[in-house]
Amino acid sequence: LGADGLSSACYGPEESFLALGEHTHMGLYLALMTAATVFIISLAYNQVIQLFPSGGGGYKAATKLVGPYAGLVSGSALIVDYVLTITLSIASGMDALFSLFPPQYQTYKLSAELAALIVLIVLNLRGMKESIQVLMPIFLGFFLTHAALIVYGVGVHVNTLATLVPDTLQKTHELTHELGWVFVASLFLRAYSLGGGTYTGLEAVSNNVNMLKEPRIRTGHWTMFYMATSLAFTAGGIILLYMLWQAQPVVGQTLNAVVFRSILEHLHVASPHFVGITLAITLALEAGLLLVGANTGFLGGPAVMANMATDRWMPRQFRQLSSRMVTQNGVLLMGGASILILGATRGNVSVLVVLYSINVFLTFSLSLFGLCRYWWEQRLYIIDWRGHFALSLLGLLVTVFILMVTLTEKFTEGGWMTILITSIVIGICLIIRRHYDAAQRQLDIVDNRYSVKMD
């Protein structure tokens, strides 16, 4: 479950930092706010785990705490999210790998992404089962290599750390005096919001609590704590590295690849051969973790559809996840949709992050609004409701703000596509529900006539 969340450190911090433009000194604020936001959302979502220990996450929270149509919107957004989990993870993974090659090889990247996606589809159709022995080395390798690079990269600048805060405050003061507080605040809040991709994947635990060992709630809370800690350290640390090492975009390379190469080349004992091998291992682990994260889309998507099928938003056949035919249809549906989106966006990670972030924060906002409503209704029965309500409200304010800024800033750069795709899914679900309601009315008529005849 941690792979889905931690892998977002490969693309979220980059989008956020690049939005600062030339005012990179504000990266310090960005790193601190990113880490804080990870914990705010995680702590708020711990309540979803507590209230819905059987799983279902955002869909059940919106359905039970707000209403069936809120659940429909949340569930539709989650389905699109899982499709984008597959697409974005593969695109970002290939970006990491192709950072090792000369720019002229970029023309082959989309073909490589489609090939990787087809391989994942085939493996899931054959019933691929993850093994902890296979996944754990990738996960630990990713975290240990990135932690080592972050610690060393920050440690090299230890002499400047003492003056980092005063210098940052001084530069901010000068920028404010020159351009005004409104500009500075708008710049920072825009960069902070466009880094929303960093927090995607935090909902994975609440969606899959039923997979955890008993006691599920306690295990879920510890899982969320480990995920939040690792993501906050990695994402916040990477943004700090961008600022300290003055990372600049390079055509055909991710910003992670640029800053990691600079850090490795700083090692005085490092030969070019060592730098190349170590960088290749680091980026390969990024790609590996992203592919593991991509596979969660094939597992989580059908699970959301199963929950929605129970409420008649999806064909009832999707309730039977134990059926191999149903599982195969779910895999083909998720994989086919991913191929379409990958082709439409040409594997552009910046566009995919926007598509992904909007739906994730839509689900976040509906779930946290439901929690606020729940704790407010329980204020007469639960003594410590104020703390739960305050945490839910803080999380709601953060997620709604990020959602609105992302929609406003990126509407013409992919935001409209998210609204269109999610609206189409909602429309299909409404048609399915109308069909079942009509069929139920006909059955009721038949039952009533039969009852009258028997009497």
Protein backbone atom coordinates (compact mmCIF):
# COMPACT_ATOMS: atom_id res chain seq x y z
CA LEU A 1 0.00 0.00 0.00
CA GLY A 2 2.92 2.33 0.65
CA ALA A 3 4.13 2.08 -2.96
CA ASP A 4 1.14 4.03 -4.27
CA GLY A 5 1.79 6.89 -1.86
CA LEU A 6 5.59 6.98 -1.81
CA SER A 7 5.89 6.80 -5.60
CA SER A 8 4.22 10.22 -5.85
CA ALA A 9 7.52 11.71 -4.61
CA CYS A 10 8.80 11.00 -8.14
CA TYR A 11 6.56 13.60 -9.79
CA GLY A 12 4.68 15.73 -7.21
CA PRO A 13 7.61 17.75 -5.77
CA GLU A 14 8.94 18.52 -9.25
CA GLU A 15 5.65 20.06 -10.42
CA SER A 16 5.45 22.10 -7.24
CA PHE A 17 9.03 23.39 -7.33
CA LEU A 18 8.95 24.32 -11.03
CA ALA A 19 5.89 26.48 -10.36
CA LEU A 20 8.09 28.77 -8.21
CA GLY A 21 10.00 29.85 -11.32
CA GLU A 22 13.09 31.89 -10.44
CA HIS A 23 11.99 32.43 -6.83
CA THR A 24 13.49 29.15 -5.65
CA HIS A 25 14.28 30.43 -2.14
CA MET A 26 10.60 29.80 -1.35
CA GLY A 27 11.32 26.11 -1.70
CA LEU A 28 12.00 26.06 2.06
CA TYR A 29 8.40 27.06 2.79
CA LEU A 30 7.24 24.58 0.17
CA ALA A 31 9.16 21.67 1.73
CA LEU A 32 7.77 22.41 5.20
CA MET A 33 4.18 22.83 3.98
CA THR A 34 4.38 19.69 1.86
CA ALA A 35 5.47 17.59 4.85
CA ALA A 36 2.81 19.18 7.07
CA THR A 37 0.05 18.60 4.51
CA VAL A 38 0.95 14.91 4.23
CA PHE A 39 0.34 14.51 7.97
CA ILE A 40 -2.83 16.63 7.97
CA ILE A 41 -4.48 14.50 5.27
CA SER A 42 -3.18 11.26 6.80
CA LEU A 43 -4.48 12.07 10.29
CA ALA A 44 -7.84 13.12 8.89
CA TYR A 45 -8.09 9.91 6.85
CA ASN A 46 -7.32 7.85 9.95
CA GLN A 47 -10.91 8.65 10.92
CA VAL A 48 -12.16 7.07 7.70
CA ILE A 49 -10.25 3.92 8.64
CA GLN A 50 -11.84 3.99 12.09
CA LEU A 51 -15.39 4.49 10.83
CA PHE A 52 -15.15 2.06 7.90
CA PRO A 53 -12.84 -0.82 8.92
CA SER A 54 -14.29 -3.04 6.17
CA GLY A 55 -12.73 -0.85 3.46
CA GLY A 56 -14.33 1.25 0.78
CA GLY A 57 -12.60 4.48 1.82
CA GLY A 58 -13.74 7.60 0.00
CA TYR A 59 -16.73 5.95 -1.70
CA LYS A 60 -18.25 4.60 1.51
CA ALA A 61 -17.44 7.75 3.48
CA ALA A 62 -19.20 9.97 0.93
CA THR A 63 -22.15 7.58 0.56
CA LYS A 64 -22.79 6.97 4.25
CA LEU A 65 -21.89 10.40 5.63
CA VAL A 66 -23.15 12.72 2.87
CA GLY A 67 -25.54 10.85 0.56
CA PRO A 68 -25.81 8.38 -2.34
CA TYR A 69 -25.17 10.97 -5.05
CA ALA A 70 -22.08 12.26 -3.25
CA GLY A 71 -20.97 8.63 -3.14
CA LEU A 72 -21.62 8.35 -6.88
CA VAL A 73 -19.38 11.34 -7.58
CA SER A 74 -16.68 10.07 -5.22
CA GLY A 75 -16.82 6.54 -6.61
CA SER A 76 -16.68 7.76 -10.22
CA ALA A 77 -13.70 9.96 -9.36
CA LEU A 78 -12.00 6.98 -7.71
CA ILE A 79 -12.49 4.79 -10.78
CA VAL A 80 -10.92 7.48 -12.97
CA ASP A 81 -8.19 7.88 -10.32
CA TYR A 82 -7.24 4.22 -10.54
CA VAL A 83 -7.07 4.43 -14.32
CA LEU A 84 -4.80 7.46 -13.93
CA THR A 85 -2.78 5.65 -11.25
CA ILE A 86 -1.84 3.14 -13.93
CA THR A 87 -1.24 5.76 -16.63
CA LEU A 88 0.69 8.30 -14.55
CA SER A 89 2.84 5.70 -12.80
CA ILE A 90 3.93 4.15 -16.09
CA ALA A 91 4.56 7.55 -17.73
CA SER A 92 6.55 8.81 -14.74
CA GLY A 93 8.49 5.54 -14.52
CA MET A 94 9.52 5.79 -18.15
CA ASP A 95 10.47 9.44 -17.64
CA ALA A 96 12.85 8.27 -14.91
CA LEU A 97 14.38 5.54 -17.08
CA PHE A 98 14.70 7.70 -20.19
CA SER A 99 16.54 10.33 -18.12
CA LEU A 100 19.52 7.99 -18.50
CA PHE A 101 19.46 8.23 -22.31
CA PRO A 102 20.32 11.06 -24.74
CA PRO A 103 17.43 13.40 -25.72
CA GLN A 104 17.04 11.83 -29.17
CA TYR A 105 15.74 8.65 -27.54
CA GLN A 106 12.67 10.51 -26.21
CA THR A 107 10.81 9.65 -29.42
CA TYR A 108 10.65 6.02 -28.25
CA LYS A 109 9.27 6.81 -24.79
CA LEU A 110 5.57 6.61 -25.65
CA SER A 111 6.09 3.23 -27.35
CA ALA A 112 7.91 1.97 -24.25
CA GLU A 113 5.05 3.20 -22.04
CA LEU A 114 2.45 1.39 -24.16
CA ALA A 115 4.56 -1.77 -24.11
CA ALA A 116 4.90 -1.64 -20.31
CA LEU A 117 1.16 -1.11 -19.95
CA ILE A 118 0.35 -4.08 -22.18
CA VAL A 119 2.75 -6.26 -20.16
CA LEU A 120 0.96 -5.28 -16.94
CA ILE A 121 -2.42 -6.05 -18.51
CA VAL A 122 -1.24 -9.49 -19.64
CA LEU A 123 0.28 -10.28 -16.24
CA ASN A 124 -2.91 -9.32 -14.43
CA LEU A 125 -5.04 -11.33 -16.86
CA ARG A 126 -2.88 -14.34 -16.01
CA GLY A 127 -3.58 -13.74 -12.31
CA MET A 128 -0.28 -12.20 -11.20
CA LYS A 129 0.03 -12.13 -7.40
CA GLU A 130 2.38 -9.75 -5.66
CA SER A 131 4.83 -11.35 -3.28
CA ILE A 132 6.30 -9.49 -0.34
CA GLN A 133 9.68 -11.04 -1.20
CA VAL A 134 9.54 -9.36 -4.61
CA LEU A 135 8.06 -6.02 -3.64
CA MET A 136 9.93 -5.34 -0.41
CA PRO A 137 13.42 -5.01 -2.00
CA ILE A 138 12.04 -2.49 -4.52
CA PHE A 139 10.29 -0.47 -1.82
CA LEU A 140 13.22 -0.54 0.61
CA GLY A 141 15.74 0.06 -2.18
CA PHE A 142 13.84 3.15 -3.29
CA PHE A 143 13.54 4.56 0.20
CA LEU A 144 17.12 3.81 1.27
CA THR A 145 18.74 5.23 -1.89
CA HIS A 146 16.62 8.37 -1.76
CA ALA A 147 17.10 8.78 1.99
CA ALA A 148 20.88 8.46 1.56
CA LEU A 149 20.91 11.03 -1.27
CA ILE A 150 18.71 13.42 0.73
CA VAL A 151 20.83 13.13 3.89
CA TYR A 152 24.10 13.56 1.99
CA GLY A 153 22.73 16.30 -0.25
CA VAL A 154 21.52 18.32 2.72
CA GLY A 155 24.61 17.48 4.79
CA VAL A 156 26.95 18.92 2.15
CA HIS A 157 25.27 22.29 2.72
CA VAL A 158 25.38 22.01 6.50
CA ASN A 159 27.39 25.24 6.73
CA THR A 160 24.64 27.16 4.96
CA LEU A 161 21.79 25.61 6.96
CA ALA A 162 22.44 27.95 9.90
CA THR A 163 21.78 30.95 7.67
CA LEU A 164 19.16 29.29 5.47
CA VAL A 165 16.14 30.54 7.41
CA PRO A 166 17.39 34.15 7.84
CA ASP A 167 18.43 34.29 4.17
CA THR A 168 15.07 32.93 3.04
CA LEU A 169 13.20 35.44 5.19
CA GLN A 170 15.39 38.27 3.89
CA LYS A 171 14.82 37.31 0.23
CA THR A 172 11.11 36.96 0.87
CA HIS A 173 11.04 40.41 2.48
CA GLU A 174 12.86 41.92 -0.50
CA LEU A 175 10.51 40.21 -2.96
CA THR A 176 7.53 41.41 -0.98
CA HIS A 177 8.84 44.97 -0.91
CA GLU A 178 9.44 44.84 -4.65
CA LEU A 179 6.27 43.10 -5.89
CA GLY A 180 3.91 43.11 -2.90
CA TRP A 181 2.47 40.54 -0.51
CA VAL A 182 -0.32 39.61 -2.89
CA PHE A 183 2.15 38.46 -5.54
CA VAL A 184 4.31 36.51 -3.06
CA ALA A 185 1.33 34.82 -1.43
CA SER A 186 -0.23 33.99 -4.80
CA LEU A 187 3.04 32.55 -6.11
CA PHE A 188 3.54 30.33 -3.10
CA LEU A 189 -0.06 29.14 -2.88
CA ARG A 190 -0.09 28.35 -6.60
CA ALA A 191 3.10 26.27 -6.33
CA TYR A 192 1.81 24.58 -3.18
CA SER A 193 -1.49 23.66 -4.86
CA LEU A 194 0.08 22.45 -8.11
CA GLY A 195 2.11 19.99 -6.03
CA GLY A 196 -1.13 18.20 -5.18
CA GLY A 197 0.16 15.09 -6.95
CA THR A 198 2.47 14.57 -3.96
CA TYR A 199 -0.46 13.54 -1.76
CA THR A 200 -2.06 11.09 -4.17
CA GLY A 201 -2.04 7.55 -2.84
CA LEU A 202 -2.64 8.47 0.80
CA GLU A 203 -6.20 7.18 0.42
CA ALA A 204 -4.96 3.67 -0.47
CA VAL A 205 -5.04 2.42 3.14
CA SER A 206 -8.63 3.48 3.81
CA ASN A 207 -9.74 1.94 0.51
CA ASN A 208 -8.16 -1.41 1.39
CA VAL A 209 -8.46 -1.73 5.18
CA ASN A 210 -10.09 -5.12 4.67
CA MET A 211 -6.72 -6.45 3.39
CA LEU A 212 -4.96 -5.72 6.68
CA LYS A 213 -4.51 -8.11 9.57
CA GLU A 214 -6.55 -7.83 12.76
CA PRO A 215 -6.96 -5.55 14.59
CA ARG A 216 -7.57 -3.74 11.31
CA ILE A 217 -8.05 -0.25 12.70
CA ARG A 218 -4.80 -0.32 14.69
CA THR A 219 -2.91 -1.88 11.77
CA GLY A 220 -4.41 0.72 9.41
CA HIS A 221 -3.34 3.59 11.67
CA TRP A 222 0.23 2.29 11.89
CA THR A 223 0.32 1.71 8.13
CA MET A 224 -0.84 5.28 7.54
CA PHE A 225 1.80 6.56 9.99
CA TYR A 226 4.62 4.73 8.20
CA MET A 227 3.35 5.89 4.81
CA ALA A 228 2.98 9.51 5.92
CA THR A 229 6.41 9.59 7.58
CA SER A 230 8.24 8.12 4.61
CA LEU A 231 6.39 10.35 2.10
CA ALA A 232 6.82 13.54 4.15
CA PHE A 233 10.55 12.89 4.56
CA THR A 234 11.12 11.96 0.92
CA ALA A 235 8.95 14.62 -0.75
CA GLY A 236 10.00 17.42 1.59
CA GLY A 237 13.64 16.36 1.36
CA ILE A 238 13.60 16.30 -2.44
CA ILE A 239 12.18 19.83 -2.61
CA LEU A 240 14.93 20.93 -0.21
CA LEU A 241 17.53 19.32 -2.50
CA TYR A 242 16.14 21.19 -5.52
CA MET A 243 16.62 24.46 -3.67
CA LEU A 244 20.04 23.77 -2.11
CA TRP A 245 21.55 22.36 -5.31
CA GLN A 246 19.88 24.95 -7.54
CA ALA A 247 18.38 22.28 -9.79
CA GLN A 248 17.42 23.50 -13.28
CA PRO A 249 15.24 21.64 -15.83
CA VAL A 250 17.15 19.66 -18.46
CA VAL A 251 15.46 18.46 -21.64
CA GLY A 252 14.75 14.73 -21.48
CA GLN A 253 15.52 14.41 -17.74
CA THR A 254 13.41 14.56 -14.62
CA LEU A 255 14.40 17.09 -11.98
CA ASN A 256 15.13 14.16 -9.65
CA ALA A 257 17.65 12.81 -12.15
CA VAL A 258 19.28 16.24 -12.48
CA VAL A 259 19.74 16.82 -8.75
CA PHE A 260 20.77 13.22 -8.01
CA ARG A 261 23.45 13.38 -10.70
CA SER A 262 24.78 16.62 -9.20
CA ILE A 263 24.95 15.04 -5.74
CA LEU A 264 26.71 11.90 -6.97
CA GLU A 265 29.23 13.92 -8.99
CA HIS A 266 30.02 15.87 -5.81
CA LEU A 267 31.48 12.72 -4.26
CA HIS A 268 35.21 13.32 -4.66
CA VAL A 269 35.95 9.59 -4.73
CA ALA A 270 33.28 8.97 -7.36
CA SER A 271 34.35 8.11 -10.88
CA PRO A 272 32.07 8.80 -13.87
CA HIS A 273 31.48 5.05 -14.05
CA PHE A 274 30.33 4.96 -10.41
CA VAL A 275 28.08 7.98 -10.91
CA GLY A 276 26.43 6.40 -13.96
CA ILE A 277 25.82 3.03 -12.28
CA THR A 278 24.51 4.53 -9.02
CA LEU A 279 22.23 6.95 -10.84
CA ALA A 280 20.95 4.12 -13.05
CA ILE A 281 20.15 1.99 -9.97
CA THR A 282 18.38 4.91 -8.26
CA LEU A 283 16.24 5.75 -11.28
CA ALA A 284 15.54 2.07 -11.98
CA LEU A 285 14.24 1.74 -8.41
CA GLU A 286 12.02 4.77 -9.06
CA ALA A 287 10.65 3.12 -12.18
CA GLY A 288 10.22 -0.19 -10.34
CA LEU A 289 8.28 1.42 -7.49
CA LEU A 290 6.12 3.32 -9.96
CA LEU A 291 5.28 0.09 -11.81
CA VAL A 292 4.31 -1.52 -8.49
CA GLY A 293 2.14 1.53 -7.83
CA ALA A 294 0.64 1.20 -11.32
CA ASN A 295 -0.47 -2.33 -10.60
CA THR A 296 -2.58 -1.14 -7.65
CA GLY A 297 -4.90 0.41 -10.23
CA PHE A 298 -5.73 -3.04 -11.56
CA LEU A 299 -6.51 -4.20 -8.03
CA GLY A 300 -8.24 -1.12 -6.61
CA GLY A 301 -10.37 -0.21 -9.63
CA PRO A 302 -12.43 -3.44 -9.69
CA ALA A 303 -12.78 -3.21 -5.87
CA VAL A 304 -14.39 0.25 -6.15
CA MET A 305 -16.65 -1.02 -8.93
CA ALA A 306 -17.67 -3.93 -6.69
CA ASN A 307 -18.74 -1.52 -3.94
CA MET A 308 -20.64 0.60 -6.45
CA ALA A 309 -22.28 -2.49 -7.97
CA THR A 310 -23.70 -3.29 -4.54
CA ASP A 311 -25.51 0.05 -4.68
CA ARG A 312 -26.57 -0.57 -8.30
CA TRP A 313 -24.36 2.13 -9.82
CA MET A 314 -22.45 -0.58 -11.73
CA PRO A 315 -23.57 -3.86 -13.36
CA ARG A 316 -24.29 -6.36 -10.57
CA GLN A 317 -21.80 -8.81 -12.09
CA PHE A 318 -18.97 -6.63 -10.75
CA ARG A 319 -19.93 -7.60 -7.19
CA GLN A 320 -18.50 -11.05 -7.79
CA LEU A 321 -14.79 -10.27 -7.56
CA SER A 322 -14.12 -13.93 -6.84
CA SER A 323 -15.23 -14.69 -10.40
CA ARG A 324 -12.29 -14.88 -12.80
CA MET A 325 -14.39 -13.57 -15.69
CA VAL A 326 -15.40 -10.49 -13.67
CA THR A 327 -11.79 -9.86 -12.66
CA GLN A 328 -10.63 -10.17 -16.26
CA ASN A 329 -13.32 -7.72 -17.43
CA GLY A 330 -12.19 -5.27 -14.73
CA VAL A 331 -8.55 -5.59 -15.78
CA LEU A 332 -9.42 -5.10 -19.46
CA LEU A 333 -11.62 -2.10 -18.64
CA MET A 334 -8.93 -0.41 -16.53
CA GLY A 335 -6.16 -1.27 -19.01
CA GLY A 336 -8.13 -0.16 -22.07
CA ALA A 337 -9.02 3.16 -20.47
CA SER A 338 -5.36 3.67 -19.51
CA ILE A 339 -4.25 3.07 -23.09
CA LEU A 340 -6.74 5.68 -24.34
CA ILE A 341 -5.60 8.30 -21.82
CA LEU A 342 -1.93 7.52 -22.42
CA GLY A 343 -2.44 8.04 -26.16
CA ALA A 344 -4.52 11.20 -25.69
CA THR A 345 -1.95 12.85 -23.39
CA ARG A 346 1.12 11.40 -25.17
CA GLY A 347 2.41 10.35 -21.76
CA ASN A 348 2.85 13.97 -20.64
CA VAL A 349 3.36 13.69 -16.87
CA SER A 350 2.50 17.36 -16.24
CA VAL A 351 -0.93 16.89 -17.82
CA LEU A 352 -1.51 13.52 -16.14
CA VAL A 353 -0.66 14.96 -12.70
CA VAL A 354 -3.38 17.58 -13.20
CA LEU A 355 -5.94 14.96 -14.25
CA TYR A 356 -4.99 12.77 -11.31
CA SER A 357 -4.85 15.51 -8.67
CA ILE A 358 -8.27 16.98 -9.45
CA ASN A 359 -10.11 13.69 -8.94
CA VAL A 360 -8.06 12.71 -5.89
CA PHE A 361 -8.83 16.00 -4.17
CA LEU A 362 -12.47 15.78 -5.19
CA THR A 363 -12.65 12.47 -3.32
CA PHE A 364 -10.64 13.89 -0.40
CA SER A 365 -12.98 16.87 -0.13
CA LEU A 366 -16.19 14.81 -0.20
CA SER A 367 -14.84 12.39 2.41
CA LEU A 368 -13.64 15.13 4.74
CA PHE A 369 -16.90 17.07 4.34
CA GLY A 370 -18.70 13.89 5.35
CA LEU A 371 -16.46 13.57 8.41
CA CYS A 372 -17.15 17.20 9.40
CA ARG A 373 -20.86 16.55 9.09
CA TYR A 374 -20.61 13.31 11.06
CA TRP A 375 -18.69 14.81 14.00
CA TRP A 376 -21.01 17.81 14.12
CA GLU A 377 -24.04 15.50 14.34
CA GLN A 378 -22.31 13.46 17.04
CA ARG A 379 -21.42 16.48 19.20
CA LEU A 380 -24.20 15.65 21.69
CA TYR A 381 -23.03 12.06 22.12
CA ILE A 382 -19.21 12.10 21.95
CA ILE A 383 -17.18 14.09 24.49
CA ASP A 384 -14.06 14.66 22.37
CA TRP A 385 -15.89 15.53 19.14
CA ARG A 386 -14.24 18.95 18.92
CA GLY A 387 -10.76 17.55 18.21
CA HIS A 388 -12.08 15.21 15.49
CA PHE A 389 -14.18 17.98 13.97
CA ALA A 390 -11.29 20.48 13.97
CA LEU A 391 -8.95 17.98 12.27
CA SER A 392 -11.57 17.10 9.65
CA LEU A 393 -12.30 20.79 9.02
CA LEU A 394 -8.61 21.63 8.64
CA GLY A 395 -8.18 18.76 6.17
CA LEU A 396 -11.30 19.89 4.29
CA LEU A 397 -10.05 23.48 3.97
CA VAL A 398 -6.67 22.30 2.68
CA THR A 399 -8.08 19.84 0.13
CA VAL A 400 -10.80 22.20 -1.16
CA PHE A 401 -8.24 24.99 -1.56
CA ILE A 402 -5.86 22.75 -3.54
CA LEU A 403 -8.76 21.46 -5.66
CA MET A 404 -10.03 24.95 -6.53
CA VAL A 405 -6.58 26.39 -7.33
CA THR A 406 -5.68 23.38 -9.49
CA LEU A 407 -8.96 23.61 -11.38
CA THR A 408 -8.57 27.34 -11.92
CA GLU A 409 -4.91 27.29 -12.92
CA LYS A 410 -4.98 24.15 -15.05
CA PHE A 411 -8.48 24.15 -16.51
CA THR A 412 -7.26 24.76 -20.05
CA GLU A 413 -4.22 22.46 -19.59
CA GLY A 414 -6.12 19.27 -18.81
CA GLY A 415 -8.54 20.21 -16.06
CA TRP A 416 -11.47 20.28 -18.50
CA MET A 417 -10.58 16.74 -19.57
CA THR A 418 -10.87 15.48 -15.99
CA ILE A 419 -14.30 17.07 -15.60
CA LEU A 420 -15.42 15.59 -18.92
CA ILE A 421 -14.17 12.05 -18.22
CA THR A 422 -15.55 11.93 -14.68
CA SER A 423 -18.89 13.37 -15.87
CA ILE A 424 -19.12 10.64 -18.51
CA VAL A 425 -18.53 7.95 -15.85
CA ILE A 426 -21.19 9.55 -13.62
CA GLY A 427 -23.62 9.64 -16.56
CA ILE A 428 -23.05 5.95 -17.32
CA CYS A 429 -23.63 5.07 -13.65
CA LEU A 430 -26.89 7.05 -13.63
CA ILE A 431 -28.10 5.19 -16.74
CA ILE A 432 -27.25 1.83 -15.09
CA ARG A 433 -29.05 2.84 -11.89
CA ARG A 434 -32.11 3.99 -13.86
CA HIS A 435 -32.19 0.62 -15.63
CA TYR A 436 -32.11 -1.29 -12.33
CA ASP A 437 -34.75 0.98 -10.78
CA ALA A 438 -37.04 0.43 -13.79
CA ALA A 439 -36.49 -3.32 -13.61
CA GLN A 440 -37.26 -3.27 -9.87
CA ARG A 441 -40.52 -1.39 -10.48
CA GLN A 442 -41.58 -4.01 -13.04
CA LEU A 443 -40.76 -6.80 -10.58
CA ASP A 444 -42.79 -5.06 -7.88
CA ILE A 445 -45.77 -4.84 -10.25
CA VAL A 446 -45.47 -8.57 -11.03
CA ASP A 447 -45.18 -9.39 -7.33
CA ASN A 448 -48.25 -7.31 -6.48
CA ARG A 449 -50.31 -8.95 -9.24
CA TYR A 450 -49.21 -12.41 -8.12
CA SER A 451 -50.11 -11.59 -4.52
CA VAL A 452 -53.58 -10.38 -5.55
CA LYS A 453 -54.14 -13.51 -7.63
CA MET A 454 -53.10 -15.77 -4.76
CA ASP A 455 -55.49 -13.94 -2.42
